Every structure is written in C-alpha cells, then in structure tokens.
Amino acid sequence: MVHNLATVVGLAVFLFGLFVFFTAVLGLFRFDYVLNRMHAAAVGDTLGVFCILIGLILLHGWSLSAAKAVLLLAFLWLTSPVAGHLIAEMEVWTIPDIHAECREEQR
C-alpha cells in the first residue's frame, strides 16, 4: 500500500517537474526581452529540477543513488539561481541603453 502511494506521488511530482520545464521553454520563446527570458529559465530550472529529482527519489526508494540525488539537488539549488543572477547582471552592465528597454533598480 505504501509502495503504491509513493509510486503515485513520485510519478505526479515527476510529471509536474516536466510540466514546469516545458512552461519554462515556452517562456523562453514567448518573451521578447532577454532578462524576462532569463527569469523564466531560472525559475523553471530551479523548480523543475527539484520536482524531477524528488519524484525520482520517491519512485526509486531510499538508497545510495537517492542520497546522491539529494546532494545533486542541493548543489543545483545553490548554483543555478546564483549563475542566473550573475548572467542577468552581466547583461545589465553590457547594454549601453538599458533604461530604454526596461526599468533598472539603482544601487
């Protein structure tokens, strides 16, 4: 009974993660400005990776590979948002007329 419940929940979370990835890809194609695209990709990547790895852990059960997936999840959750932020900040610094395209927060 518990195994069937874990399988159903794991499959649902895994499919939700795939849905998040596909909507992030749709955001990449639909948005016009590069910073909007970066935001869609970063949010979709972070939530999608979390849901897919949690779904795989629930489907596979707790083992050494699940512990490795948890470490991978922690690494990706720490590095992906930071990398997205640094790329977006570099884009703001390199565009000469950024105020014409979007509002920028002054620091």
N, C-alpha and C. Protein backbone atom coordinates (compact mmCIF):
# COMPACT_ATOMS: atom_id res chain seq x y z
N MET A 1 0.82 -1.20 0.00
CA MET A 1 0.00 0.00 0.00
C MET A 1 0.87 1.27 0.00
N VAL A 2 1.85 1.29 0.90
CA VAL A 2 2.72 2.46 0.98
C VAL A 2 3.57 2.59 -0.28
N HIS A 3 4.00 1.47 -0.82
CA HIS A 3 4.80 1.49 -2.05
C HIS A 3 3.98 2.05 -3.22
N ASN A 4 2.71 1.67 -3.30
CA ASN A 4 1.85 2.19 -4.36
C ASN A 4 1.61 3.68 -4.21
N LEU A 5 1.44 4.14 -2.98
CA LEU A 5 1.24 5.56 -2.72
C LEU A 5 2.50 6.36 -3.08
N ALA A 6 3.66 5.84 -2.71
CA ALA A 6 4.91 6.52 -3.05
C ALA A 6 5.12 6.56 -4.56
N THR A 7 4.70 5.50 -5.25
CA THR A 7 4.83 5.48 -6.70
C THR A 7 3.92 6.51 -7.35
N VAL A 8 2.70 6.61 -6.88
CA VAL A 8 1.76 7.58 -7.45
C VAL A 8 2.22 9.00 -7.17
N VAL A 9 2.64 9.28 -5.95
CA VAL A 9 3.10 10.63 -5.60
C VAL A 9 4.39 10.96 -6.36
N GLY A 10 5.30 10.01 -6.44
CA GLY A 10 6.54 10.23 -7.18
C GLY A 10 6.30 10.50 -8.65
N LEU A 11 5.38 9.76 -9.25
CA LEU A 11 5.06 9.98 -10.66
C LEU A 11 4.39 11.33 -10.87
N ALA A 12 3.50 11.72 -9.94
CA ALA A 12 2.83 13.02 -10.06
C ALA A 12 3.84 14.17 -9.94
N VAL A 13 4.76 14.08 -8.99
CA VAL A 13 5.76 15.14 -8.81
C VAL A 13 6.71 15.18 -10.01
N PHE A 14 7.07 14.00 -10.53
CA PHE A 14 7.94 13.94 -11.71
C PHE A 14 7.26 14.58 -12.91
N LEU A 15 6.00 14.28 -13.14
CA LEU A 15 5.27 14.86 -14.27
C LEU A 15 5.07 16.36 -14.09
N PHE A 16 4.86 16.80 -12.85
CA PHE A 16 4.76 18.24 -12.61
C PHE A 16 6.09 18.94 -12.93
N GLY A 17 7.21 18.29 -12.60
CA GLY A 17 8.52 18.85 -12.94
C GLY A 17 8.71 18.97 -14.44
N LEU A 18 8.26 17.96 -15.18
CA LEU A 18 8.32 18.05 -16.64
C LEU A 18 7.44 19.17 -17.17
N PHE A 19 6.27 19.34 -16.58
CA PHE A 19 5.38 20.44 -16.97
C PHE A 19 6.04 21.80 -16.72
N VAL A 20 6.72 21.93 -15.60
CA VAL A 20 7.41 23.19 -15.28
C VAL A 20 8.52 23.46 -16.30
N PHE A 21 9.27 22.43 -16.67
CA PHE A 21 10.31 22.61 -17.68
C PHE A 21 9.72 23.04 -19.02
N PHE A 22 8.62 22.42 -19.42
CA PHE A 22 8.01 22.78 -20.70
C PHE A 22 7.45 24.20 -20.69
N THR A 23 6.89 24.64 -19.56
CA THR A 23 6.41 26.02 -19.49
C THR A 23 7.57 27.00 -19.47
N ALA A 24 8.70 26.62 -18.89
CA ALA A 24 9.89 27.49 -18.93
C ALA A 24 10.40 27.62 -20.36
N VAL A 25 10.37 26.55 -21.11
CA VAL A 25 10.78 26.62 -22.52
C VAL A 25 9.81 27.49 -23.29
N LEU A 26 8.53 27.38 -23.01
CA LEU A 26 7.54 28.24 -23.66
C LEU A 26 7.81 29.71 -23.32
N GLY A 27 8.18 30.00 -22.07
CA GLY A 27 8.54 31.36 -21.68
C GLY A 27 9.77 31.87 -22.41
N LEU A 28 10.71 30.98 -22.70
CA LEU A 28 11.89 31.38 -23.46
C LEU A 28 11.52 31.83 -24.87
N PHE A 29 10.53 31.19 -25.45
CA PHE A 29 10.14 31.55 -26.80
C PHE A 29 9.14 32.71 -26.85
N ARG A 30 8.36 32.89 -25.80
CA ARG A 30 7.30 33.90 -25.83
C ARG A 30 7.76 35.29 -25.42
N PHE A 31 8.69 35.38 -24.48
CA PHE A 31 9.13 36.69 -24.00
C PHE A 31 10.07 37.34 -25.00
N ASP A 32 10.01 38.68 -25.06
CA ASP A 32 10.82 39.42 -26.02
C ASP A 32 12.19 39.81 -25.47
N TYR A 33 12.21 40.25 -24.23
CA TYR A 33 13.44 40.81 -23.67
C TYR A 33 14.27 39.73 -22.99
N VAL A 34 15.57 39.86 -23.04
CA VAL A 34 16.47 38.81 -22.57
C VAL A 34 16.36 38.60 -21.05
N LEU A 35 16.12 39.65 -20.28
CA LEU A 35 16.01 39.46 -18.83
C LEU A 35 14.73 38.72 -18.46
N ASN A 36 13.66 38.93 -19.21
CA ASN A 36 12.44 38.16 -18.97
C ASN A 36 12.67 36.68 -19.29
N ARG A 37 13.40 36.43 -20.35
CA ARG A 37 13.74 35.05 -20.70
C ARG A 37 14.61 34.41 -19.63
N MET A 38 15.55 35.17 -19.12
CA MET A 38 16.42 34.65 -18.06
C MET A 38 15.61 34.29 -16.81
N HIS A 39 14.63 35.12 -16.48
CA HIS A 39 13.81 34.85 -15.30
C HIS A 39 12.99 33.57 -15.50
N ALA A 40 12.38 33.42 -16.66
CA ALA A 40 11.60 32.22 -16.93
C ALA A 40 12.48 30.97 -16.88
N ALA A 41 13.66 31.06 -17.44
CA ALA A 41 14.56 29.91 -17.44
C ALA A 41 15.05 29.57 -16.04
N ALA A 42 15.38 30.58 -15.25
CA ALA A 42 15.92 30.34 -13.90
C ALA A 42 14.86 29.75 -12.97
N VAL A 43 13.66 30.31 -13.01
CA VAL A 43 12.59 29.79 -12.15
C VAL A 43 12.18 28.39 -12.59
N GLY A 44 12.04 28.20 -13.90
CA GLY A 44 11.67 26.88 -14.39
C GLY A 44 12.73 25.84 -14.11
N ASP A 45 13.99 26.23 -14.22
CA ASP A 45 15.08 25.31 -13.96
C ASP A 45 15.11 24.89 -12.49
N THR A 46 14.98 25.85 -11.60
CA THR A 46 15.07 25.55 -10.18
C THR A 46 13.92 24.68 -9.71
N LEU A 47 12.70 25.05 -10.04
CA LEU A 47 11.54 24.27 -9.61
C LEU A 47 11.47 22.94 -10.36
N GLY A 48 11.79 22.94 -11.64
CA GLY A 48 11.75 21.71 -12.42
C GLY A 48 12.73 20.67 -11.93
N VAL A 49 13.96 21.09 -11.64
CA VAL A 49 14.97 20.15 -11.13
C VAL A 49 14.55 19.60 -9.78
N PHE A 50 14.01 20.45 -8.92
CA PHE A 50 13.56 20.00 -7.60
C PHE A 50 12.48 18.94 -7.74
N CYS A 51 11.46 19.21 -8.55
CA CYS A 51 10.35 18.27 -8.68
C CYS A 51 10.78 16.96 -9.34
N ILE A 52 11.61 17.04 -10.36
CA ILE A 52 12.03 15.82 -11.04
C ILE A 52 12.90 14.95 -10.13
N LEU A 53 13.83 15.55 -9.42
CA LEU A 53 14.69 14.74 -8.54
C LEU A 53 13.91 14.18 -7.36
N ILE A 54 13.00 14.95 -6.78
CA ILE A 54 12.17 14.42 -5.69
C ILE A 54 11.29 13.29 -6.20
N GLY A 55 10.73 13.45 -7.40
CA GLY A 55 9.93 12.38 -7.99
C GLY A 55 10.73 11.12 -8.23
N LEU A 56 11.96 11.27 -8.73
CA LEU A 56 12.81 10.10 -8.94
C LEU A 56 13.19 9.42 -7.64
N ILE A 57 13.43 10.21 -6.60
CA ILE A 57 13.75 9.62 -5.30
C ILE A 57 12.55 8.83 -4.78
N LEU A 58 11.35 9.39 -4.92
CA LEU A 58 10.15 8.67 -4.45
C LEU A 58 9.88 7.42 -5.29
N LEU A 59 10.14 7.49 -6.58
CA LEU A 59 9.93 6.32 -7.44
C LEU A 59 10.95 5.22 -7.18
N HIS A 60 12.19 5.60 -6.93
CA HIS A 60 13.27 4.62 -6.78
C HIS A 60 13.37 4.09 -5.36
N GLY A 61 12.96 4.87 -4.39
CA GLY A 61 13.12 4.48 -3.00
C GLY A 61 14.43 5.00 -2.44
N TRP A 62 14.57 4.91 -1.13
CA TRP A 62 15.77 5.44 -0.48
C TRP A 62 16.92 4.45 -0.65
N SER A 63 18.00 4.93 -1.25
CA SER A 63 19.20 4.11 -1.46
C SER A 63 20.38 5.06 -1.60
N LEU A 64 21.51 4.51 -1.98
CA LEU A 64 22.69 5.34 -2.18
C LEU A 64 22.50 6.30 -3.35
N SER A 65 21.82 5.84 -4.40
CA SER A 65 21.57 6.73 -5.53
C SER A 65 20.61 7.86 -5.14
N ALA A 66 19.69 7.61 -4.23
CA ALA A 66 18.81 8.67 -3.75
C ALA A 66 19.60 9.69 -2.92
N ALA A 67 20.56 9.23 -2.15
CA ALA A 67 21.40 10.16 -1.38
C ALA A 67 22.24 11.02 -2.34
N LYS A 68 22.72 10.42 -3.41
CA LYS A 68 23.47 11.19 -4.41
C LYS A 68 22.55 12.21 -5.09
N ALA A 69 21.30 11.83 -5.33
CA ALA A 69 20.34 12.76 -5.93
C ALA A 69 20.06 13.93 -5.00
N VAL A 70 20.02 13.68 -3.70
CA VAL A 70 19.83 14.77 -2.73
C VAL A 70 21.02 15.72 -2.74
N LEU A 71 22.24 15.18 -2.82
CA LEU A 71 23.42 16.03 -2.92
C LEU A 71 23.43 16.83 -4.22
N LEU A 72 23.02 16.19 -5.31
CA LEU A 72 22.92 16.88 -6.59
C LEU A 72 21.87 17.98 -6.51
N LEU A 73 20.76 17.70 -5.87
CA LEU A 73 19.70 18.70 -5.69
C LEU A 73 20.21 19.90 -4.90
N ALA A 74 20.93 19.65 -3.83
CA ALA A 74 21.47 20.75 -3.02
C ALA A 74 22.47 21.58 -3.84
N PHE A 75 23.32 20.92 -4.60
CA PHE A 75 24.29 21.63 -5.43
C PHE A 75 23.59 22.49 -6.48
N LEU A 76 22.61 21.92 -7.17
CA LEU A 76 21.91 22.68 -8.21
C LEU A 76 21.09 23.82 -7.63
N TRP A 77 20.51 23.62 -6.47
CA TRP A 77 19.71 24.69 -5.85
C TRP A 77 20.59 25.83 -5.36
N LEU A 78 21.84 25.55 -5.07
CA LEU A 78 22.75 26.62 -4.66
C LEU A 78 23.38 27.33 -5.86
N THR A 79 23.68 26.62 -6.92
CA THR A 79 24.42 27.22 -8.01
C THR A 79 23.55 27.79 -9.13
N SER A 80 22.41 27.21 -9.41
CA SER A 80 21.60 27.66 -10.54
C SER A 80 21.06 29.08 -10.37
N PRO A 81 20.46 29.44 -9.22
CA PRO A 81 20.00 30.83 -9.08
C PRO A 81 21.14 31.84 -9.07
N VAL A 82 22.27 31.47 -8.49
CA VAL A 82 23.41 32.39 -8.45
C VAL A 82 23.95 32.61 -9.87
N ALA A 83 24.06 31.55 -10.65
CA ALA A 83 24.53 31.68 -12.02
C ALA A 83 23.57 32.51 -12.86
N GLY A 84 22.27 32.29 -12.70
CA GLY A 84 21.28 33.08 -13.42
C GLY A 84 21.35 34.55 -13.05
N HIS A 85 21.55 34.83 -11.78
CA HIS A 85 21.65 36.22 -11.34
C HIS A 85 22.90 36.90 -11.91
N LEU A 86 24.01 36.19 -11.89
CA LEU A 86 25.25 36.77 -12.41
C LEU A 86 25.17 37.01 -13.92
N ILE A 87 24.55 36.10 -14.65
CA ILE A 87 24.39 36.30 -16.10
C ILE A 87 23.48 37.48 -16.38
N ALA A 88 22.38 37.60 -15.63
CA ALA A 88 21.47 38.74 -15.82
C ALA A 88 22.14 40.06 -15.45
N GLU A 89 22.93 40.06 -14.39
CA GLU A 89 23.64 41.28 -14.01
C GLU A 89 24.68 41.68 -15.05
N MET A 90 25.35 40.70 -15.65
CA MET A 90 26.29 40.99 -16.72
C MET A 90 25.55 41.58 -17.93
N GLU A 91 24.36 41.09 -18.20
CA GLU A 91 23.57 41.62 -19.31
C GLU A 91 23.19 43.08 -19.06
N VAL A 92 22.85 43.41 -17.84
CA VAL A 92 22.51 44.79 -17.50
C VAL A 92 23.73 45.69 -17.64
N TRP A 93 24.90 45.22 -17.24
CA TRP A 93 26.10 46.04 -17.32
C TRP A 93 26.55 46.26 -18.76
N THR A 94 26.30 45.31 -19.65
CA THR A 94 26.84 45.41 -21.00
C THR A 94 25.91 46.12 -21.98
N ILE A 95 24.64 46.29 -21.66
CA ILE A 95 23.73 47.01 -22.56
C ILE A 95 23.91 48.50 -22.31
N PRO A 96 24.30 49.28 -23.33
CA PRO A 96 24.56 50.71 -23.11
C PRO A 96 23.29 51.51 -22.80
N ASP A 97 22.17 51.16 -23.39
CA ASP A 97 20.94 51.93 -23.18
C ASP A 97 19.88 51.05 -22.51
N ILE A 98 20.20 50.58 -21.31
CA ILE A 98 19.30 49.67 -20.60
C ILE A 98 18.02 50.36 -20.16
N HIS A 99 18.06 51.68 -19.92
CA HIS A 99 16.88 52.38 -19.44
C HIS A 99 15.80 52.48 -20.51
N ALA A 100 16.18 52.40 -21.77
CA ALA A 100 15.18 52.44 -22.84
C ALA A 100 14.43 51.11 -22.96
N GLU A 101 15.04 50.02 -22.51
CA GLU A 101 14.41 48.70 -22.66
C GLU A 101 13.68 48.25 -21.41
N CYS A 102 14.16 48.60 -20.25
CA CYS A 102 13.49 48.16 -19.02
C CYS A 102 13.88 49.09 -17.87
N ARG A 103 13.12 48.95 -16.78
CA ARG A 103 13.46 49.70 -15.57
C ARG A 103 14.53 48.95 -14.82
N GLU A 104 15.46 49.68 -14.28
CA GLU A 104 16.57 49.09 -13.56
C GLU A 104 16.58 49.64 -12.15
N GLU A 105 16.84 48.78 -11.19
CA GLU A 105 16.92 49.21 -9.81
C GLU A 105 18.29 49.84 -9.56
N GLN A 106 18.31 51.02 -8.99
CA GLN A 106 19.57 51.70 -8.72
C GLN A 106 20.20 51.18 -7.45
N ARG A 107 21.52 50.98 -7.49
CA ARG A 107 22.24 50.50 -6.30
C ARG A 107 23.19 51.55 -5.83
